[in-house]
Amino acid sequence: MVQRSVRAAVLAGVLVWVLCSAPAFAQGPGSICLQSGSFDAFAKGAATVEAYAEQQSQTQAAPAKESVRYVQVDKLPPVKVTSLVSGTIGGLTTAGRHVLRISAQPDMKPRLEAFYFSFQAQKSDTLCLWYKSYYASWVLQPLKGSGCRCA
């Protein structure tokens, strides 16, 4: 009986410590910084020597055209982000799960990428979405410490 009450007291103490030491997560409106990027750029991770040489010759022959992508969260209107201009999606609820879609067209068809995310899982109410061209993949992470710059 005494062991049970001691165990309960220890568990209660651990619970209080965890709740007090966990970083506070604001439940206000969330936002996503859409980092400008070179979405159509050569993906080095899937390259061959021949593909690299061809890409280099094309790059030197003509000026690079502006890459454009559209990003949509849930049923909100898509936001345009380019290789030169960043964007922001704001006013998102930080509760629950959201779906993020990426397309090259404003009608969001065809979809290039789609995935679910939550602000709670990221432990931040301000996130950054950027394109990692080396691996040709999209990264969503907390804005703080990400290096993202939004307009």
Protein backbone atom coordinates (compact mmCIF):
# COMPACT_ATOMS: atom_id res chain seq x y z
CA MET A 1 0.00 0.00 0.00
CA VAL A 2 2.81 2.42 0.89
CA GLN A 3 4.73 1.40 -2.24
CA ARG A 4 1.69 2.18 -4.40
CA SER A 5 1.28 5.68 -2.93
CA VAL A 6 5.02 6.36 -3.30
CA ARG A 7 4.86 5.21 -6.93
CA ALA A 8 1.83 7.45 -7.56
CA ALA A 9 3.62 10.43 -6.00
CA VAL A 10 6.72 9.83 -8.15
CA LEU A 11 4.61 9.55 -11.30
CA ALA A 12 2.73 12.74 -10.41
CA GLY A 13 6.05 14.53 -9.85
CA VAL A 14 7.39 13.35 -13.21
CA LEU A 15 4.19 14.46 -14.95
CA VAL A 16 4.40 17.93 -13.38
CA TRP A 17 8.07 18.19 -14.39
CA VAL A 18 7.32 17.17 -18.00
CA LEU A 19 4.43 19.63 -18.31
CA CYS A 20 6.42 22.49 -16.78
CA SER A 21 9.62 21.85 -18.73
CA ALA A 22 7.95 21.35 -22.14
CA PRO A 23 8.18 24.46 -24.33
CA ALA A 24 4.95 26.39 -24.49
CA PHE A 25 3.19 25.99 -27.81
CA ALA A 26 1.04 28.94 -28.74
CA GLN A 27 -2.44 28.04 -29.94
CA GLY A 28 -2.85 31.22 -31.98
CA PRO A 29 -3.08 31.42 -35.75
CA GLY A 30 -0.40 29.54 -37.64
CA SER A 31 1.48 30.56 -40.77
CA ILE A 32 3.73 29.03 -43.39
CA CYS A 33 6.57 30.91 -45.08
CA LEU A 34 6.92 29.77 -48.70
CA GLN A 35 10.59 30.15 -49.52
CA SER A 36 11.39 31.16 -53.07
CA GLY A 37 13.45 28.57 -54.86
CA SER A 38 14.66 27.04 -58.06
CA PHE A 39 12.01 24.32 -58.38
CA ASP A 40 12.87 23.38 -61.94
CA ALA A 41 16.60 23.35 -61.30
CA PHE A 42 18.79 20.39 -61.97
CA ALA A 43 18.47 17.80 -59.18
CA LYS A 44 22.04 16.78 -58.45
CA GLY A 45 20.98 13.72 -56.46
CA ALA A 46 19.60 11.94 -59.54
CA ALA A 47 22.25 13.15 -61.97
CA THR A 48 24.47 11.45 -64.42
CA VAL A 49 27.60 13.02 -65.84
CA GLU A 50 25.86 13.41 -69.21
CA ALA A 51 22.80 15.07 -67.66
CA TYR A 52 25.02 17.47 -65.72
CA ALA A 53 26.94 18.45 -68.86
CA GLU A 54 23.68 19.02 -70.77
CA GLN A 55 22.24 21.11 -67.92
CA GLN A 56 25.40 23.24 -67.77
CA SER A 57 25.34 23.91 -71.52
CA GLN A 58 21.66 24.94 -71.38
CA THR A 59 22.27 27.19 -68.39
CA GLN A 60 25.07 29.04 -70.16
CA ALA A 61 23.17 29.30 -73.46
CA ALA A 62 19.97 30.95 -72.22
CA PRO A 63 18.89 32.91 -69.17
CA ALA A 64 16.98 30.80 -66.67
CA LYS A 65 13.24 31.28 -66.78
CA GLU A 66 11.40 31.93 -63.56
CA SER A 67 10.18 28.76 -61.82
CA VAL A 68 6.60 28.93 -60.51
CA ARG A 69 4.73 26.74 -58.03
CA TYR A 70 1.36 27.06 -56.32
CA VAL A 71 0.90 25.95 -52.71
CA GLN A 72 -2.50 25.24 -51.18
CA VAL A 73 -3.34 24.39 -47.58
CA ASP A 74 -6.66 22.60 -47.01
CA LYS A 75 -9.33 24.35 -49.13
CA LEU A 76 -7.74 27.83 -49.09
CA PRO A 77 -6.91 29.54 -52.40
CA PRO A 78 -3.48 28.57 -53.77
CA VAL A 79 -0.58 30.95 -53.15
CA LYS A 80 2.00 31.55 -55.89
CA VAL A 81 5.68 31.20 -55.06
CA THR A 82 8.45 31.60 -57.64
CA SER A 83 12.19 31.28 -57.92
CA LEU A 84 12.35 35.05 -57.27
CA VAL A 85 9.37 35.78 -54.98
CA SER A 86 8.52 34.15 -51.65
CA GLY A 87 5.02 33.97 -50.19
CA THR A 88 3.11 33.42 -46.96
CA ILE A 89 0.00 31.49 -46.00
CA GLY A 90 -1.42 32.84 -42.75
CA GLY A 91 -4.43 32.59 -40.49
CA LEU A 92 -4.23 28.80 -40.17
CA THR A 93 -5.56 27.02 -37.13
CA THR A 94 -2.79 25.31 -35.19
CA ALA A 95 -5.13 22.56 -34.00
CA GLY A 96 -5.49 19.36 -35.96
CA ARG A 97 -4.07 18.07 -39.19
CA HIS A 98 -3.80 19.99 -42.47
CA VAL A 99 -3.16 18.90 -46.05
CA LEU A 100 -0.62 20.78 -48.15
CA ARG A 101 -0.70 20.50 -51.95
CA ILE A 102 1.86 21.75 -54.49
CA SER A 103 1.27 22.20 -58.22
CA ALA A 104 2.75 24.02 -61.20
CA GLN A 105 -0.73 25.27 -62.19
CA PRO A 106 -3.12 27.61 -60.32
CA ASP A 107 -5.97 25.07 -60.69
CA MET A 108 -3.78 22.66 -58.66
CA LYS A 109 -3.88 19.98 -61.38
CA PRO A 110 -1.81 17.93 -61.68
CA ARG A 111 -0.48 17.79 -58.15
CA LEU A 112 3.28 17.55 -57.88
CA GLU A 113 3.27 16.84 -54.16
CA ALA A 114 0.75 16.45 -51.34
CA PHE A 115 1.24 15.61 -47.68
CA TYR A 116 -0.34 16.05 -44.26
CA PHE A 117 1.19 18.10 -41.45
CA SER A 118 0.31 19.53 -38.06
CA PHE A 119 1.65 22.49 -36.17
CA GLN A 120 1.68 20.40 -32.97
CA ALA A 121 4.04 17.83 -34.53
CA GLN A 122 6.39 20.64 -35.58
CA LYS A 123 6.07 22.32 -32.14
CA SER A 124 5.80 25.72 -33.79
CA ASP A 125 3.03 27.97 -35.10
CA THR A 126 5.29 29.45 -37.82
CA LEU A 127 6.64 27.00 -40.39
CA CYS A 128 8.80 27.22 -43.51
CA LEU A 129 8.22 25.31 -46.74
CA TRP A 130 11.21 25.11 -49.07
CA TYR A 131 12.43 23.01 -51.96
CA LYS A 132 15.58 20.98 -51.46
CA SER A 133 16.82 20.78 -55.06
CA TYR A 134 19.66 18.37 -54.32
CA TYR A 135 17.14 15.66 -53.35
CA ALA A 136 14.25 17.13 -55.40
CA SER A 137 11.99 17.13 -52.33
CA TRP A 138 9.94 19.57 -50.28
CA VAL A 139 10.77 20.28 -46.64
CA LEU A 140 8.39 21.69 -44.01
CA GLN A 141 10.06 22.71 -40.76
CA PRO A 142 9.78 25.33 -37.99
CA LEU A 143 10.64 28.79 -39.30
CA LYS A 144 12.98 29.59 -36.41
CA GLY A 145 16.45 28.43 -37.35
CA SER A 146 15.45 27.40 -40.90
CA GLY A 147 17.03 30.28 -42.80
CA CYS A 148 13.77 31.04 -44.65
CA ARG A 149 13.12 34.61 -45.69
CA CYS A 150 9.56 35.65 -46.45
CA ALA A 151 8.18 38.82 -47.98
